[in-house]
């Protein structure tokens, strides 16, 4: 603490400004990271809900007419998506 007391007023002000800027930068990076993570999660969910809606629309006729080859062809279209590993169709 004695070393800080011996610094010039210019050095003390510069240190204060630098610490304030660093704190503001860290808060901004934290807020942007949190926002980006939340937005990315919502985008992924919206993407998969859209994909599920398209799948439901395309598979509804195969459910109505019990057309198993058509339902398998509908599910085969999901192979192009790298994140989908399993895609069951349930009839209620």
C-alpha atoms as a PDB file:
ATOM      1  CA  UNK A   1       0.000   0.000   0.000  1.00  0.00           C
ATOM      2  CA  UNK A   2       2.889   2.341   0.677  1.00  0.00           C
ATOM      3  CA  UNK A   3       4.053   1.845  -2.909  1.00  0.00           C
ATOM      4  CA  UNK A   4       0.709   3.075  -4.301  1.00  0.00           C
ATOM      5  CA  UNK A   5       0.873   6.084  -2.012  1.00  0.00           C
ATOM      6  CA  UNK A   6       4.233   7.039  -3.484  1.00  0.00           C
ATOM      7  CA  UNK A   7       2.951   7.117  -7.080  1.00  0.00           C
ATOM      8  CA  UNK A   8       2.215  10.384  -8.841  1.00  0.00           C
ATOM      9  CA  UNK A   9      -1.362  11.590  -9.194  1.00  0.00           C
ATOM     10  CA  UNK A  10      -1.164  10.880 -12.925  1.00  0.00           C
ATOM     11  CA  UNK A  11      -0.260   7.222 -12.287  1.00  0.00           C
ATOM     12  CA  UNK A  12      -2.999   6.902  -9.671  1.00  0.00           C
ATOM     13  CA  UNK A  13      -5.609   8.324 -12.055  1.00  0.00           C
ATOM     14  CA  UNK A  14      -4.379   6.114 -14.897  1.00  0.00           C
ATOM     15  CA  UNK A  15      -4.614   3.035 -12.656  1.00  0.00           C
ATOM     16  CA  UNK A  16      -8.146   4.000 -11.598  1.00  0.00           C
ATOM     17  CA  UNK A  17      -9.256   4.547 -15.179  1.00  0.00           C
ATOM     18  CA  UNK A  18      -7.708   1.265 -16.302  1.00  0.00           C
ATOM     19  CA  UNK A  19      -9.376  -0.706 -13.489  1.00  0.00           C
ATOM     20  CA  UNK A  20     -12.733   0.940 -14.210  1.00  0.00           C
ATOM     21  CA  UNK A  21     -12.405   0.156 -17.921  1.00  0.00           C
ATOM     22  CA  UNK A  22     -11.432  -3.430 -17.142  1.00  0.00           C
ATOM     23  CA  UNK A  23     -14.459  -3.873 -14.865  1.00  0.00           C
ATOM     24  CA  UNK A  24     -16.780  -2.426 -17.529  1.00  0.00           C
ATOM     25  CA  UNK A  25     -15.244  -4.659 -20.186  1.00  0.00           C
ATOM     26  CA  UNK A  26     -15.665  -7.779 -18.048  1.00  0.00           C
ATOM     27  CA  UNK A  27     -19.289  -6.918 -17.273  1.00  0.00           C
ATOM     28  CA  UNK A  28     -20.008  -6.317 -20.954  1.00  0.00           C
ATOM     29  CA  UNK A  29     -18.385  -9.581 -22.028  1.00  0.00           C
ATOM     30  CA  UNK A  30     -20.332 -11.449 -19.353  1.00  0.00           C
ATOM     31  CA  UNK A  31     -23.640  -9.903 -20.405  1.00  0.00           C
ATOM     32  CA  UNK A  32     -23.017 -10.585 -24.090  1.00  0.00           C
ATOM     33  CA  UNK A  33     -22.017 -14.176 -23.368  1.00  0.00           C
ATOM     34  CA  UNK A  34     -25.167 -14.748 -21.327  1.00  0.00           C
ATOM     35  CA  UNK A  35     -27.361 -13.160 -24.017  1.00  0.00           C
ATOM     36  CA  UNK A  36     -25.724 -15.125 -26.833  1.00  0.00           C
ATOM     37  CA  UNK A  37     -26.094 -18.391 -24.956  1.00  0.00           C
ATOM     38  CA  UNK A  38     -29.781 -17.780 -24.203  1.00  0.00           C
ATOM     39  CA  UNK A  39     -30.497 -16.696 -27.782  1.00  0.00           C
ATOM     40  CA  UNK A  40     -28.670 -19.688 -29.243  1.00  0.00           C
ATOM     41  CA  UNK A  41     -30.678 -22.079 -27.069  1.00  0.00           C
ATOM     42  CA  UNK A  42     -33.967 -20.525 -28.188  1.00  0.00           C
ATOM     43  CA  UNK A  43     -32.896 -20.680 -31.842  1.00  0.00           C
ATOM     44  CA  UNK A  44     -32.045 -24.375 -31.557  1.00  0.00           C
ATOM     45  CA  UNK A  45     -35.392 -25.111 -29.899  1.00  0.00           C
ATOM     46  CA  UNK A  46     -37.264 -23.129 -32.551  1.00  0.00           C
ATOM     47  CA  UNK A  47     -35.393 -24.992 -35.289  1.00  0.00           C
ATOM     48  CA  UNK A  48     -36.301 -28.408 -33.881  1.00  0.00           C
ATOM     49  CA  UNK A  49     -39.944 -27.408 -33.288  1.00  0.00           C
ATOM     50  CA  UNK A  50     -40.140 -26.333 -36.925  1.00  0.00           C
ATOM     51  CA  UNK A  51     -38.561 -29.602 -38.011  1.00  0.00           C
ATOM     52  CA  UNK A  52     -41.038 -31.558 -35.862  1.00  0.00           C
ATOM     53  CA  UNK A  53     -43.950 -29.632 -37.390  1.00  0.00           C
ATOM     54  CA  UNK A  54     -42.763 -30.391 -40.911  1.00  0.00           C
ATOM     55  CA  UNK A  55     -42.312 -34.049 -40.006  1.00  0.00           C
ATOM     56  CA  UNK A  56     -45.805 -34.191 -38.496  1.00  0.00           C
ATOM     57  CA  UNK A  57     -47.322 -32.610 -41.594  1.00  0.00           C
ATOM     58  CA  UNK A  58     -45.519 -35.021 -43.936  1.00  0.00           C
ATOM     59  CA  UNK A  59     -46.236 -38.108 -41.838  1.00  0.00           C
ATOM     60  CA  UNK A  60     -49.935 -37.443 -41.196  1.00  0.00           C
ATOM     61  CA  UNK A  61     -51.069 -39.063 -44.443  1.00  0.00           C
ATOM     62  CA  UNK A  62     -49.003 -42.174 -43.752  1.00  0.00           C
ATOM     63  CA  UNK A  63     -50.701 -42.427 -40.357  1.00  0.00           C
ATOM     64  CA  UNK A  64     -54.147 -42.012 -41.872  1.00  0.00           C
ATOM     65  CA  UNK A  65     -53.628 -44.737 -44.446  1.00  0.00           C
ATOM     66  CA  UNK A  66     -51.208 -46.946 -42.433  1.00  0.00           C
ATOM     67  CA  UNK A  67     -48.562 -46.578 -45.112  1.00  0.00           C
ATOM     68  CA  UNK A  68     -45.363 -47.827 -43.473  1.00  0.00           C
ATOM     69  CA  UNK A  69     -43.016 -47.327 -46.471  1.00  0.00           C
ATOM     70  CA  UNK A  70     -44.090 -43.685 -46.769  1.00  0.00           C
ATOM     71  CA  UNK A  71     -43.508 -43.088 -43.056  1.00  0.00           C
ATOM     72  CA  UNK A  72     -40.037 -44.656 -43.338  1.00  0.00           C
ATOM     73  CA  UNK A  73     -39.284 -42.399 -46.305  1.00  0.00           C
ATOM     74  CA  UNK A  74     -40.392 -39.402 -44.258  1.00  0.00           C
ATOM     75  CA  UNK A  75     -38.042 -40.387 -41.453  1.00  0.00           C
ATOM     76  CA  UNK A  76     -35.218 -41.079 -43.906  1.00  0.00           C
ATOM     77  CA  UNK A  77     -35.230 -37.394 -44.828  1.00  0.00           C
ATOM     78  CA  UNK A  78     -33.971 -36.609 -41.321  1.00  0.00           C
ATOM     79  CA  UNK A  79     -30.693 -38.435 -41.950  1.00  0.00           C
ATOM     80  CA  UNK A  80     -29.315 -35.271 -43.501  1.00  0.00           C
ATOM     81  CA  UNK A  81     -29.410 -33.495 -40.130  1.00  0.00           C
ATOM     82  CA  UNK A  82     -26.236 -34.312 -38.158  1.00  0.00           C
ATOM     83  CA  UNK A  83     -27.749 -33.681 -34.708  1.00  0.00           C
ATOM     84  CA  UNK A  84     -30.684 -36.075 -35.081  1.00  0.00           C
ATOM     85  CA  UNK A  85     -29.757 -39.615 -34.095  1.00  0.00           C
ATOM     86  CA  UNK A  86     -33.180 -41.116 -33.344  1.00  0.00           C
ATOM     87  CA  UNK A  87     -36.537 -40.213 -34.851  1.00  0.00           C
ATOM     88  CA  UNK A  88     -39.494 -42.367 -33.791  1.00  0.00           C
ATOM     89  CA  UNK A  89     -43.073 -41.895 -34.967  1.00  0.00           C
ATOM     90  CA  UNK A  90     -45.798 -42.687 -32.437  1.00  0.00           C
ATOM     91  CA  UNK A  91     -49.421 -43.281 -33.369  1.00  0.00           C
ATOM     92  CA  UNK A  92     -51.934 -42.311 -30.713  1.00  0.00           C
END
